[in-house]
Amino acid sequence: MKTALFIHYPKCGTCRKAAKWLKENNIEVKDRDITKQNPTVQELKEWIKTSGLPIAKFFNTSGNIYKENNLKEKVKTASEKELLEILASNGMVVKRPILVANNLVLIGFNEEQWTEKLK
């Protein structure tokens, strides 16, 4: 496997668990801090398509921005273009970690899923 892209928030406990798991399993990654480099609209489009998941799965539903801006309702009614722009506007709106590798995009850390997909 070529080097995977690991997009994370360093202060996030789940992201730290995922990083530890990657290291323990000798999976080489290129780190990217989501607060310093937001995913672009184009990247998000590609990742959503590759993942096969609905765009709603890419939102960090437990984050303050999601709650303060009532994004739960907006996700139900907004166009894909609007939702992509919201996601690309602030990395803290995006669910993390994200692992992008070999025609595979994993959102959030689920050890069982990551083991199945990456080993």
PDB file of N, CA and C in Angstrom:
ATOM      1  N   MET A   1       0.844  -1.186   0.000  1.00  0.00           N
ATOM      2  CA  MET A   1       0.000   0.000   0.000  1.00  0.00           C
ATOM      3  C   MET A   1       0.884   1.242   0.000  1.00  0.00           C
ATOM      4  N   LYS A   2       0.551   2.177  -0.895  1.00  0.00           N
ATOM      5  CA  LYS A   2       1.308   3.423  -0.873  1.00  0.00           C
ATOM      6  C   LYS A   2       0.926   4.198   0.383  1.00  0.00           C
ATOM      7  N   THR A   3       1.673   5.227   0.709  1.00  0.00           N
ATOM      8  CA  THR A   3       1.425   5.991   1.918  1.00  0.00           C
ATOM      9  C   THR A   3       0.014   6.565   1.918  1.00  0.00           C
ATOM     10  N   ALA A   4      -0.716   6.307   2.991  1.00  0.00           N
ATOM     11  CA  ALA A   4      -2.083   6.791   3.139  1.00  0.00           C
ATOM     12  C   ALA A   4      -2.066   8.220   3.681  1.00  0.00           C
ATOM     13  N   LEU A   5      -3.136   8.945   3.429  1.00  0.00           N
ATOM     14  CA  LEU A   5      -3.305  10.288   3.975  1.00  0.00           C
ATOM     15  C   LEU A   5      -4.172  10.169   5.221  1.00  0.00           C
ATOM     16  N   PHE A   6      -3.644  10.655   6.341  1.00  0.00           N
ATOM     17  CA  PHE A   6      -4.343  10.591   7.630  1.00  0.00           C
ATOM     18  C   PHE A   6      -4.685  12.009   8.041  1.00  0.00           C
ATOM     19  N   ILE A   7      -5.971  12.338   7.937  1.00  0.00           N
ATOM     20  CA  ILE A   7      -6.429  13.689   8.269  1.00  0.00           C
ATOM     21  C   ILE A   7      -7.040  13.623   9.654  1.00  0.00           C
ATOM     22  N   HIS A   8      -6.536  14.458  10.544  1.00  0.00           N
ATOM     23  CA  HIS A   8      -6.940  14.357  11.949  1.00  0.00           C
ATOM     24  C   HIS A   8      -6.865  15.700  12.648  1.00  0.00           C
ATOM     25  N   TYR A   9      -7.389  15.720  13.872  1.00  0.00           N
ATOM     26  CA  TYR A   9      -7.282  16.870  14.768  1.00  0.00           C
ATOM     27  C   TYR A   9      -6.448  16.379  15.946  1.00  0.00           C
ATOM     28  N   PRO A  10      -5.230  16.930  16.122  1.00  0.00           N
ATOM     29  CA  PRO A  10      -4.308  16.404  17.144  1.00  0.00           C
ATOM     30  C   PRO A  10      -4.867  16.343  18.571  1.00  0.00           C
ATOM     31  N   LYS A  11      -5.836  17.198  18.906  1.00  0.00           N
ATOM     32  CA  LYS A  11      -6.371  17.200  20.273  1.00  0.00           C
ATOM     33  C   LYS A  11      -7.534  16.228  20.452  1.00  0.00           C
ATOM     34  N   CYS A  12      -7.934  15.557  19.390  1.00  0.00           N
ATOM     35  CA  CYS A  12      -9.068  14.628  19.420  1.00  0.00           C
ATOM     36  C   CYS A  12      -8.611  13.256  19.922  1.00  0.00           C
ATOM     37  N   GLY A  13      -9.274  12.765  20.957  1.00  0.00           N
ATOM     38  CA  GLY A  13      -8.915  11.469  21.529  1.00  0.00           C
ATOM     39  C   GLY A  13      -9.063  10.323  20.538  1.00  0.00           C
ATOM     40  N   THR A  14     -10.139  10.349  19.749  1.00  0.00           N
ATOM     41  CA  THR A  14     -10.361   9.296  18.756  1.00  0.00           C
ATOM     42  C   THR A  14      -9.264   9.324  17.698  1.00  0.00           C
ATOM     43  N   CYS A  15      -8.870  10.523  17.305  1.00  0.00           N
ATOM     44  CA  CYS A  15      -7.791  10.659  16.314  1.00  0.00           C
ATOM     45  C   CYS A  15      -6.471  10.119  16.871  1.00  0.00           C
ATOM     46  N   ARG A  16      -6.217  10.376  18.141  1.00  0.00           N
ATOM     47  CA  ARG A  16      -4.987   9.866  18.768  1.00  0.00           C
ATOM     48  C   ARG A  16      -5.004   8.338  18.828  1.00  0.00           C
ATOM     49  N   LYS A  17      -6.178   7.756  19.135  1.00  0.00           N
ATOM     50  CA  LYS A  17      -6.300   6.287  19.145  1.00  0.00           C
ATOM     51  C   LYS A  17      -6.017   5.725  17.757  1.00  0.00           C
ATOM     52  N   ALA A  18      -6.569   6.390  16.743  1.00  0.00           N
ATOM     53  CA  ALA A  18      -6.366   5.936  15.363  1.00  0.00           C
ATOM     54  C   ALA A  18      -4.889   6.024  14.987  1.00  0.00           C
ATOM     55  N   ALA A  19      -4.230   7.122  15.359  1.00  0.00           N
ATOM     56  CA  ALA A  19      -2.805   7.301  15.052  1.00  0.00           C
ATOM     57  C   ALA A  19      -1.976   6.211  15.721  1.00  0.00           C
ATOM     58  N   LYS A  20      -2.316   5.891  16.963  1.00  0.00           N
ATOM     59  CA  LYS A  20      -1.610   4.828  17.702  1.00  0.00           C
ATOM     60  C   LYS A  20      -1.815   3.484  16.991  1.00  0.00           C
ATOM     61  N   TRP A  21      -3.051   3.210  16.579  1.00  0.00           N
ATOM     62  CA  TRP A  21      -3.363   1.965  15.881  1.00  0.00           C
ATOM     63  C   TRP A  21      -2.572   1.869  14.574  1.00  0.00           C
ATOM     64  N   LEU A  22      -2.518   2.950  13.821  1.00  0.00           N
ATOM     65  CA  LEU A  22      -1.768   2.959  12.554  1.00  0.00           C
ATOM     66  C   LEU A  22      -0.295   2.639  12.806  1.00  0.00           C
ATOM     67  N   LYS A  23       0.264   3.267  13.846  1.00  0.00           N
ATOM     68  CA  LYS A  23       1.682   3.043  14.171  1.00  0.00           C
ATOM     69  C   LYS A  23       1.914   1.584  14.591  1.00  0.00           C
ATOM     70  N   GLU A  24       1.047   1.068  15.454  1.00  0.00           N
ATOM     71  CA  GLU A  24       1.173  -0.314  15.925  1.00  0.00           C
ATOM     72  C   GLU A  24       1.049  -1.320  14.785  1.00  0.00           C
ATOM     73  N   ASN A  25       0.307  -0.968  13.749  1.00  0.00           N
ATOM     74  CA  ASN A  25       0.089  -1.862  12.621  1.00  0.00           C
ATOM     75  C   ASN A  25       1.001  -1.545  11.430  1.00  0.00           C
ATOM     76  N   ASN A  26       2.013  -0.723  11.701  1.00  0.00           N
ATOM     77  CA  ASN A  26       3.025  -0.377  10.683  1.00  0.00           C
ATOM     78  C   ASN A  26       2.416   0.135   9.376  1.00  0.00           C
ATOM     79  N   ILE A  27       1.401   0.959   9.507  1.00  0.00           N
ATOM     80  CA  ILE A  27       0.791   1.561   8.326  1.00  0.00           C
ATOM     81  C   ILE A  27       1.332   2.978   8.205  1.00  0.00           C
ATOM     82  N   GLU A  28       2.059   3.190   7.129  1.00  0.00           N
ATOM     83  CA  GLU A  28       2.715   4.468   6.912  1.00  0.00           C
ATOM     84  C   GLU A  28       1.693   5.493   6.425  1.00  0.00           C
ATOM     85  N   VAL A  29       1.687   6.651   7.085  1.00  0.00           N
ATOM     86  CA  VAL A  29       0.744   7.692   6.710  1.00  0.00           C
ATOM     87  C   VAL A  29       1.429   9.049   6.608  1.00  0.00           C
ATOM     88  N   LYS A  30       0.805   9.889   5.829  1.00  0.00           N
ATOM     89  CA  LYS A  30       1.188  11.302   5.773  1.00  0.00           C
ATOM     90  C   LYS A  30       0.151  12.022   6.630  1.00  0.00           C
ATOM     91  N   ASP A  31       0.596  12.662   7.702  1.00  0.00           N
ATOM     92  CA  ASP A  31      -0.303  13.371   8.619  1.00  0.00           C
ATOM     93  C   ASP A  31      -0.746  14.706   8.045  1.00  0.00           C
ATOM     94  N   ARG A  32      -2.007  15.028   8.310  1.00  0.00           N
ATOM     95  CA  ARG A  32      -2.518  16.345   7.925  1.00  0.00           C
ATOM     96  C   ARG A  32      -3.474  16.821   9.012  1.00  0.00           C
ATOM     97  N   ASP A  33      -3.123  17.929   9.637  1.00  0.00           N
ATOM     98  CA  ASP A  33      -3.938  18.535  10.696  1.00  0.00           C
ATOM     99  C   ASP A  33      -5.114  19.249  10.038  1.00  0.00           C
ATOM    100  N   ILE A  34      -6.319  18.797  10.330  1.00  0.00           N
ATOM    101  CA  ILE A  34      -7.518  19.325   9.687  1.00  0.00           C
ATOM    102  C   ILE A  34      -7.776  20.789  10.055  1.00  0.00           C
ATOM    103  N   THR A  35      -7.204  21.253  11.178  1.00  0.00           N
ATOM    104  CA  THR A  35      -7.402  22.651  11.568  1.00  0.00           C
ATOM    105  C   THR A  35      -6.451  23.585  10.813  1.00  0.00           C
ATOM    106  N   LYS A  36      -5.394  23.028  10.269  1.00  0.00           N
ATOM    107  CA  LYS A  36      -4.433  23.847   9.521  1.00  0.00           C
ATOM    108  C   LYS A  36      -4.663  23.767   8.019  1.00  0.00           C
ATOM    109  N   GLN A  37      -5.243  22.669   7.574  1.00  0.00           N
ATOM    110  CA  GLN A  37      -5.494  22.481   6.146  1.00  0.00           C
ATOM    111  C   GLN A  37      -6.837  21.770   5.969  1.00  0.00           C
ATOM    112  N   ASN A  38      -7.876  22.589   5.803  1.00  0.00           N
ATOM    113  CA  ASN A  38      -9.228  22.042   5.586  1.00  0.00           C
ATOM    114  C   ASN A  38      -9.254  21.209   4.319  1.00  0.00           C
ATOM    115  N   PRO A  39     -10.083  20.187   4.294  1.00  0.00           N
ATOM    116  CA  PRO A  39     -10.303  19.489   3.021  1.00  0.00           C
ATOM    117  C   PRO A  39     -10.950  20.473   2.032  1.00  0.00           C
ATOM    118  N   THR A  40     -10.596  20.361   0.781  1.00  0.00           N
ATOM    119  CA  THR A  40     -11.184  21.225  -0.244  1.00  0.00           C
ATOM    120  C   THR A  40     -12.490  20.610  -0.747  1.00  0.00           C
ATOM    121  N   VAL A  41     -13.283  21.415  -1.428  1.00  0.00           N
ATOM    122  CA  VAL A  41     -14.524  20.910  -2.019  1.00  0.00           C
ATOM    123  C   VAL A  41     -14.210  19.745  -2.944  1.00  0.00           C
ATOM    124  N   GLN A  42     -13.164  19.890  -3.756  1.00  0.00           N
ATOM    125  CA  GLN A  42     -12.805  18.833  -4.710  1.00  0.00           C
ATOM    126  C   GLN A  42     -12.399  17.550  -3.985  1.00  0.00           C
ATOM    127  N   GLU A  43     -11.576  17.681  -2.937  1.00  0.00           N
ATOM    128  CA  GLU A  43     -11.175  16.497  -2.161  1.00  0.00           C
ATOM    129  C   GLU A  43     -12.408  15.817  -1.560  1.00  0.00           C
ATOM    130  N   LEU A  44     -13.277  16.609  -0.969  1.00  0.00           N
ATOM    131  CA  LEU A  44     -14.478  16.057  -0.341  1.00  0.00           C
ATOM    132  C   LEU A  44     -15.347  15.323  -1.359  1.00  0.00           C
ATOM    133  N   LYS A  45     -15.506  15.909  -2.536  1.00  0.00           N
ATOM    134  CA  LYS A  45     -16.300  15.254  -3.595  1.00  0.00           C
ATOM    135  C   LYS A  45     -15.723  13.878  -3.904  1.00  0.00           C
ATOM    136  N   GLU A  46     -14.400  13.824  -4.071  1.00  0.00           N
ATOM    137  CA  GLU A  46     -13.729  12.560  -4.399  1.00  0.00           C
ATOM    138  C   GLU A  46     -13.872  11.552  -3.254  1.00  0.00           C
ATOM    139  N   TRP A  47     -13.666  12.019  -2.019  1.00  0.00           N
ATOM    140  CA  TRP A  47     -13.728  11.121  -0.866  1.00  0.00           C
ATOM    141  C   TRP A  47     -15.140  10.577  -0.663  1.00  0.00           C
ATOM    142  N   ILE A  48     -16.136  11.418  -0.847  1.00  0.00           N
ATOM    143  CA  ILE A  48     -17.529  10.987  -0.684  1.00  0.00           C
ATOM    144  C   ILE A  48     -17.847   9.916  -1.730  1.00  0.00           C
ATOM    145  N   LYS A  49     -17.444  10.175  -2.962  1.00  0.00           N
ATOM    146  CA  LYS A  49     -17.687   9.214  -4.046  1.00  0.00           C
ATOM    147  C   LYS A  49     -16.980   7.881  -3.753  1.00  0.00           C
ATOM    148  N   THR A  50     -15.706   7.960  -3.382  1.00  0.00           N
ATOM    149  CA  THR A  50     -14.910   6.758  -3.110  1.00  0.00           C
ATOM    150  C   THR A  50     -15.457   5.979  -1.913  1.00  0.00           C
ATOM    151  N   SER A  51     -15.872   6.697  -0.879  1.00  0.00           N
ATOM    152  CA  SER A  51     -16.349   6.033   0.342  1.00  0.00           C
ATOM    153  C   SER A  51     -17.690   5.337   0.141  1.00  0.00           C
ATOM    154  N   GLY A  52     -18.487   5.854  -0.798  1.00  0.00           N
ATOM    155  CA  GLY A  52     -19.816   5.305  -0.998  1.00  0.00           C
ATOM    156  C   GLY A  52     -20.804   5.725   0.091  1.00  0.00           C
ATOM    157  N   LEU A  53     -20.379   6.639   0.959  1.00  0.00           N
ATOM    158  CA  LEU A  53     -21.230   7.093   2.063  1.00  0.00           C
ATOM    159  C   LEU A  53     -21.990   8.368   1.675  1.00  0.00           C
ATOM    160  N   PRO A  54     -23.133   8.600   2.304  1.00  0.00           N
ATOM    161  CA  PRO A  54     -23.840   9.859   2.057  1.00  0.00           C
ATOM    162  C   PRO A  54     -23.046  11.029   2.656  1.00  0.00           C
ATOM    163  N   ILE A  55     -23.227  12.200   2.083  1.00  0.00           N
ATOM    164  CA  ILE A  55     -22.487  13.384   2.530  1.00  0.00           C
ATOM    165  C   ILE A  55     -22.713  13.661   4.019  1.00  0.00           C
ATOM    166  N   ALA A  56     -23.878  13.339   4.533  1.00  0.00           N
ATOM    167  CA  ALA A  56     -24.181  13.587   5.952  1.00  0.00           C
ATOM    168  C   ALA A  56     -23.192  12.892   6.882  1.00  0.00           C
ATOM    169  N   LYS A  57     -22.638  11.754   6.460  1.00  0.00           N
ATOM    170  CA  LYS A  57     -21.682  10.998   7.289  1.00  0.00           C
ATOM    171  C   LYS A  57     -20.358  11.750   7.471  1.00  0.00           C
ATOM    172  N   PHE A  58     -20.120  12.776   6.657  1.00  0.00           N
ATOM    173  CA  PHE A  58     -18.874  13.526   6.734  1.00  0.00           C
ATOM    174  C   PHE A  58     -18.940  14.679   7.737  1.00  0.00           C
ATOM    175  N   PHE A  59     -20.100  14.883   8.339  1.00  0.00           N
ATOM    176  CA  PHE A  59     -20.244  15.960   9.320  1.00  0.00           C
ATOM    177  C   PHE A  59     -19.919  15.479  10.718  1.00  0.00           C
ATOM    178  N   ASN A  60     -19.194  16.314  11.464  1.00  0.00           N
ATOM    179  CA  ASN A  60     -18.871  16.059  12.864  1.00  0.00           C
ATOM    180  C   ASN A  60     -20.089  16.475  13.685  1.00  0.00           C
ATOM    181  N   THR A  61     -20.995  15.540  13.896  1.00  0.00           N
ATOM    182  CA  THR A  61     -22.274  15.852  14.544  1.00  0.00           C
ATOM    183  C   THR A  61     -22.144  16.160  16.029  1.00  0.00           C
ATOM    184  N   SER A  62     -21.001  15.854  16.626  1.00  0.00           N
ATOM    185  CA  SER A  62     -20.839  16.155  18.053  1.00  0.00           C
ATOM    186  C   SER A  62     -20.081  17.459  18.285  1.00  0.00           C
ATOM    187  N   GLY A  63     -19.700  18.136  17.206  1.00  0.00           N
ATOM    188  CA  GLY A  63     -18.941  19.378  17.345  1.00  0.00           C
ATOM    189  C   GLY A  63     -19.811  20.584  17.645  1.00  0.00           C
ATOM    190  N   ASN A  64     -19.198  21.595  18.257  1.00  0.00           N
ATOM    191  CA  ASN A  64     -19.921  22.818  18.621  1.00  0.00           C
ATOM    192  C   ASN A  64     -20.456  23.557  17.405  1.00  0.00           C
ATOM    193  N   ILE A  65     -19.681  23.630  16.346  1.00  0.00           N
ATOM    194  CA  ILE A  65     -20.106  24.367  15.151  1.00  0.00           C
ATOM    195  C   ILE A  65     -21.370  23.728  14.572  1.00  0.00           C
ATOM    196  N   TYR A  66     -21.403  22.418  14.548  1.00  0.00           N
ATOM    197  CA  TYR A  66     -22.564  21.678  14.038  1.00  0.00           C
ATOM    198  C   TYR A  66     -23.807  22.033  14.859  1.00  0.00           C
ATOM    199  N   LYS A  67     -23.645  22.029  16.169  1.00  0.00           N
ATOM    200  CA  LYS A  67     -24.772  22.299  17.066  1.00  0.00           C
ATOM    201  C   LYS A  67     -25.186  23.770  17.033  1.00  0.00           C
ATOM    202  N   GLU A  68     -24.200  24.676  17.126  1.00  0.00           N
ATOM    203  CA  GLU A  68     -24.490  26.111  17.174  1.00  0.00           C
ATOM    204  C   GLU A  68     -25.160  26.615  15.897  1.00  0.00           C
ATOM    205  N   ASN A  69     -24.822  26.016  14.781  1.00  0.00           N
ATOM    206  CA  ASN A  69     -25.374  26.462  13.495  1.00  0.00           C
ATOM    207  C   ASN A  69     -26.557  25.616  13.025  1.00  0.00           C
ATOM    208  N   ASN A  70     -27.071  24.779  13.920  1.00  0.00           N
ATOM    209  CA  ASN A  70     -28.208  23.918  13.614  1.00  0.00           C
ATOM    210  C   ASN A  70     -28.018  23.204  12.276  1.00  0.00           C
ATOM    211  N   LEU A  71     -26.829  22.648  12.083  1.00  0.00           N
ATOM    212  CA  LEU A  71     -26.531  21.982  10.814  1.00  0.00           C
ATOM    213  C   LEU A  71     -27.333  20.694  10.635  1.00  0.00           C
ATOM    214  N   LYS A  72     -27.856  20.148  11.717  1.00  0.00           N
ATOM    215  CA  LYS A  72     -28.666  18.931  11.608  1.00  0.00           C
ATOM    216  C   LYS A  72     -29.825  19.161  10.636  1.00  0.00           C
ATOM    217  N   GLU A  73     -30.475  20.315  10.751  1.00  0.00           N
ATOM    218  CA  GLU A  73     -31.598  20.641   9.857  1.00  0.00           C
ATOM    219  C   GLU A  73     -31.094  20.985   8.457  1.00  0.00           C
ATOM    220  N   LYS A  74     -29.998  21.716   8.401  1.00  0.00           N
ATOM    221  CA  LYS A  74     -29.460  22.149   7.107  1.00  0.00           C
ATOM    222  C   LYS A  74     -29.032  20.941   6.262  1.00  0.00           C
ATOM    223  N   VAL A  75     -28.447  19.933   6.903  1.00  0.00           N
ATOM    224  CA  VAL A  75     -27.985  18.745   6.184  1.00  0.00           C
ATOM    225  C   VAL A  75     -29.158  18.044   5.485  1.00  0.00           C
ATOM    226  N   LYS A  76     -30.332  18.147   6.077  1.00  0.00           N
ATOM    227  CA  LYS A  76     -31.520  17.499   5.502  1.00  0.00           C
ATOM    228  C   LYS A  76     -32.044  18.231   4.261  1.00  0.00           C
ATOM    229  N   THR A  77     -31.818  19.557   4.197  1.00  0.00           N
ATOM    230  CA  THR A  77     -32.467  20.346   3.146  1.00  0.00           C
ATOM    231  C   THR A  77     -31.528  21.012   2.143  1.00  0.00           C
ATOM    232  N   ALA A  78     -30.279  21.220   2.521  1.00  0.00           N
ATOM    233  CA  ALA A  78     -29.347  21.952   1.650  1.00  0.00           C
ATOM    234  C   ALA A  78     -28.913  21.100   0.455  1.00  0.00           C
ATOM    235  N   SER A  79     -28.483  21.782  -0.588  1.00  0.00           N
ATOM    236  CA  SER A  79     -27.981  21.085  -1.778  1.00  0.00           C
ATOM    237  C   SER A  79     -26.604  20.500  -1.472  1.00  0.00           C
ATOM    238  N   GLU A  80     -26.185  19.556  -2.306  1.00  0.00           N
ATOM    239  CA  GLU A  80     -24.852  18.968  -2.127  1.00  0.00           C
ATOM    240  C   GLU A  80     -23.780  20.052  -2.219  1.00  0.00           C
ATOM    241  N   LYS A  81     -23.957  20.983  -3.137  1.00  0.00           N
ATOM    242  CA  LYS A  81     -22.986  22.079  -3.316  1.00  0.00           C
ATOM    243  C   LYS A  81     -22.848  22.890  -2.020  1.00  0.00           C
ATOM    244  N   GLU A  82     -23.989  23.244  -1.411  1.00  0.00           N
ATOM    245  CA  GLU A  82     -23.965  24.002  -0.149  1.00  0.00           C
ATOM    246  C   GLU A  82     -23.275  23.205   0.950  1.00  0.00           C
ATOM    247  N   LEU A  83     -23.601  21.918   1.039  1.00  0.00           N
ATOM    248  CA  LEU A  83     -23.018  21.075   2.087  1.00  0.00           C
ATOM    249  C   LEU A  83     -21.512  20.924   1.901  1.00  0.00           C
ATOM    250  N   LEU A  84     -21.073  20.777   0.665  1.00  0.00           N
ATOM    251  CA  LEU A  84     -19.630  20.689   0.395  1.00  0.00           C
ATOM    252  C   LEU A  84     -18.932  21.980   0.806  1.00  0.00           C
ATOM    253  N   GLU A  85     -19.560  23.116   0.531  1.00  0.00           N
ATOM    254  CA  GLU A  85     -18.967  24.408   0.908  1.00  0.00           C
ATOM    255  C   GLU A  85     -18.879  24.557   2.423  1.00  0.00           C
ATOM    256  N   ILE A  86     -19.907  24.087   3.132  1.00  0.00           N
ATOM    257  CA  ILE A  86     -19.888  24.133   4.608  1.00  0.00           C
ATOM    258  C   ILE A  86     -18.744  23.258   5.129  1.00  0.00           C
ATOM    259  N   LEU A  87     -18.642  22.037   4.616  1.00  0.00           N
ATOM    260  CA  LEU A  87     -17.576  21.131   5.059  1.00  0.00           C
ATOM    261  C   LEU A  87     -16.192  21.708   4.772  1.00  0.00           C
ATOM    262  N   ALA A  88     -16.020  22.307   3.605  1.00  0.00           N
ATOM    263  CA  ALA A  88     -14.707  22.840   3.211  1.00  0.00           C
ATOM    264  C   ALA A  88     -14.369  24.147   3.937  1.00  0.00           C
ATOM    265  N   SER A  89     -15.365  24.782   4.550  1.00  0.00           N
ATOM    266  CA  SER A  89     -15.136  26.082   5.179  1.00  0.00           C
ATOM    267  C   SER A  89     -14.400  25.992   6.511  1.00  0.00           C
ATOM    268  N   ASN A  90     -14.520  24.843   7.194  1.00  0.00           N
ATOM    269  CA  ASN A  90     -13.906  24.726   8.513  1.00  0.00           C
ATOM    270  C   ASN A  90     -13.687  23.245   8.831  1.00  0.00           C
ATOM    271  N   GLY A  91     -12.439  22.874   9.047  1.00  0.00           N
ATOM    272  CA  GLY A  91     -12.104  21.484   9.325  1.00  0.00           C
ATOM    273  C   GLY A  91     -12.818  20.906  10.537  1.00  0.00           C
ATOM    274  N   MET A  92     -13.215  21.764  11.469  1.00  0.00           N
ATOM    275  CA  MET A  92     -13.872  21.279  12.682  1.00  0.00           C
ATOM    276  C   MET A  92     -15.309  20.811  12.415  1.00  0.00           C
ATOM    277  N   VAL A  93     -15.836  21.100  11.241  1.00  0.00           N
ATOM    278  CA  VAL A  93     -17.175  20.648  10.869  1.00  0.00           C
ATOM    279  C   VAL A  93     -17.119  19.214  10.337  1.00  0.00           C
ATOM    280  N   VAL A  94     -15.918  18.786   9.936  1.00  0.00           N
ATOM    281  CA  VAL A  94     -15.735  17.492   9.284  1.00  0.00           C
ATOM    282  C   VAL A  94     -15.470  16.392  10.314  1.00  0.00           C
ATOM    283  N   LYS A  95     -16.150  15.262  10.149  1.00  0.00           N
ATOM    284  CA  LYS A  95     -15.911  14.103  11.023  1.00  0.00           C
ATOM    285  C   LYS A  95     -14.489  13.611  10.790  1.00  0.00           C
ATOM    286  N   ARG A  96     -13.852  13.214  11.837  1.00  0.00           N
ATOM    287  CA  ARG A  96     -12.472  12.769  11.739  1.00  0.00           C
ATOM    288  C   ARG A  96     -12.220  11.630  12.712  1.00  0.00           C
ATOM    289  N   PRO A  97     -11.143  10.927  12.541  1.00  0.00           N
ATOM    290  CA  PRO A  97     -10.148  11.050  11.471  1.00  0.00           C
ATOM    291  C   PRO A  97     -10.693  10.552  10.132  1.00  0.00           C
ATOM    292  N   ILE A  98      -9.972  10.934   9.098  1.00  0.00           N
ATOM    293  CA  ILE A  98     -10.244  10.434   7.753  1.00  0.00           C
ATOM    294  C   ILE A  98      -8.960   9.766   7.283  1.00  0.00           C
ATOM    295  N   LEU A  99      -9.108   8.574   6.739  1.00  0.00           N
ATOM    296  CA  LEU A  99      -7.953   7.880   6.167  1.00  0.00           C
ATOM    297  C   LEU A  99      -8.246   7.639   4.692  1.00  0.00           C
ATOM    298  N   VAL A 100      -7.360   8.163   3.850  1.00  0.00           N
ATOM    299  CA  VAL A 100      -7.528   8.027   2.404  1.00  0.00           C
ATOM    300  C   VAL A 100      -6.373   7.182   1.882  1.00  0.00           C
ATOM    301  N   ALA A 101      -6.716   6.015   1.306  1.00  0.00           N
ATOM    302  CA  ALA A 101      -5.679   5.111   0.803  1.00  0.00           C
ATOM    303  C   ALA A 101      -6.245   4.181  -0.259  1.00  0.00           C
ATOM    304  N   ASN A 102      -5.493   3.979  -1.344  1.00  0.00           N
ATOM    305  CA  ASN A 102      -5.824   2.949  -2.345  1.00  0.00           C
ATOM    306  C   ASN A 102      -7.316   2.761  -2.608  1.00  0.00           C
ATOM    307  N   ASN A 103      -7.967   3.745  -3.157  1.00  0.00           N
ATOM    308  CA  ASN A 103      -9.407   3.647  -3.462  1.00  0.00           C
ATOM    309  C   ASN A 103     -10.248   3.304  -2.239  1.00  0.00           C
ATOM    310  N   LEU A 104      -9.837   3.823  -1.105  1.00  0.00           N
ATOM    311  CA  LEU A 104     -10.516   3.565   0.158  1.00  0.00           C
ATOM    312  C   LEU A 104     -10.547   4.856   0.972  1.00  0.00           C
ATOM    313  N   VAL A 105     -11.707   5.166   1.523  1.00  0.00           N
ATOM    314  CA  VAL A 105     -11.825   6.319   2.413  1.00  0.00           C
ATOM    315  C   VAL A 105     -12.561   5.851   3.662  1.00  0.00           C
ATOM    316  N   LEU A 106     -11.900   5.985   4.811  1.00  0.00           N
ATOM    317  CA  LEU A 106     -12.506   5.603   6.088  1.00  0.00           C
ATOM    318  C   LEU A 106     -12.747   6.862   6.905  1.00  0.00           C
ATOM    319  N   ILE A 107     -13.957   6.982   7.442  1.00  0.00           N
ATOM    320  CA  ILE A 107     -14.347   8.154   8.222  1.00  0.00           C
ATOM    321  C   ILE A 107     -14.574   7.727   9.660  1.00  0.00           C
ATOM    322  N   GLY A 108     -13.947   8.444  10.592  1.00  0.00           N
ATOM    323  CA  GLY A 108     -14.065   8.064  11.993  1.00  0.00           C
ATOM    324  C   GLY A 108     -13.217   6.822  12.233  1.00  0.00           C
ATOM    325  N   PHE A 109     -12.905   6.550  13.490  1.00  0.00           N
ATOM    326  CA  PHE A 109     -12.069   5.391  13.786  1.00  0.00           C
ATOM    327  C   PHE A 109     -12.903   4.271  14.382  1.00  0.00           C
ATOM    328  N   ASN A 110     -12.939   3.164  13.656  1.00  0.00           N
ATOM    329  CA  ASN A 110     -13.580   1.945  14.120  1.00  0.00           C
ATOM    330  C   ASN A 110     -12.526   0.862  13.917  1.00  0.00           C
ATOM    331  N   GLU A 111     -11.931   0.420  15.021  1.00  0.00           N
ATOM    332  CA  GLU A 111     -10.788  -0.498  14.936  1.00  0.00           C
ATOM    333  C   GLU A 111     -11.114  -1.754  14.131  1.00  0.00           C
ATOM    334  N   GLU A 112     -12.286  -2.310  14.336  1.00  0.00           N
ATOM    335  CA  GLU A 112     -12.674  -3.519  13.614  1.00  0.00           C
ATOM    336  C   GLU A 112     -12.720  -3.254  12.099  1.00  0.00           C
ATOM    337  N   GLN A 113     -13.350  -2.152  11.717  1.00  0.00           N
ATOM    338  CA  GLN A 113     -13.457  -1.798  10.310  1.00  0.00           C
ATOM    339  C   GLN A 113     -12.079  -1.525   9.698  1.00  0.00           C
ATOM    340  N   TRP A 114     -11.250  -0.767  10.423  1.00  0.00           N
ATOM    341  CA  TRP A 114      -9.928  -0.432   9.908  1.00  0.00           C
ATOM    342  C   TRP A 114      -9.085  -1.702   9.747  1.00  0.00           C
ATOM    343  N   THR A 115      -9.176  -2.628  10.696  1.00  0.00           N
ATOM    344  CA  THR A 115      -8.429  -3.878  10.613  1.00  0.00           C
ATOM    345  C   THR A 115      -8.869  -4.664   9.390  1.00  0.00           C
ATOM    346  N   GLU A 116     -10.183  -4.757   9.185  1.00  0.00           N
ATOM    347  CA  GLU A 116     -10.730  -5.492   8.049  1.00  0.00           C
ATOM    348  C   GLU A 116     -10.284  -4.878   6.714  1.00  0.00           C
ATOM    349  N   LYS A 117     -10.328  -3.556   6.627  1.00  0.00           N
ATOM    350  CA  LYS A 117     -10.039  -2.876   5.357  1.00  0.00           C
ATOM    351  C   LYS A 117      -8.552  -2.705   5.052  1.00  0.00           C
ATOM    352  N   LEU A 118      -7.729  -2.652   6.104  1.00  0.00           N
ATOM    353  CA  LEU A 118      -6.320  -2.295   5.899  1.00  0.00           C
ATOM    354  C   LEU A 118      -5.335  -3.440   6.080  1.00  0.00           C
ATOM    355  N   LYS A 119      -5.803  -4.584   6.534  1.00  0.00           N
ATOM    356  CA  LYS A 119      -4.853  -5.671   6.772  1.00  0.00           C
ATOM    357  C   LYS A 119      -5.030  -6.812   5.806  1.00  0.00           C
TER     358      LYS A 119
END
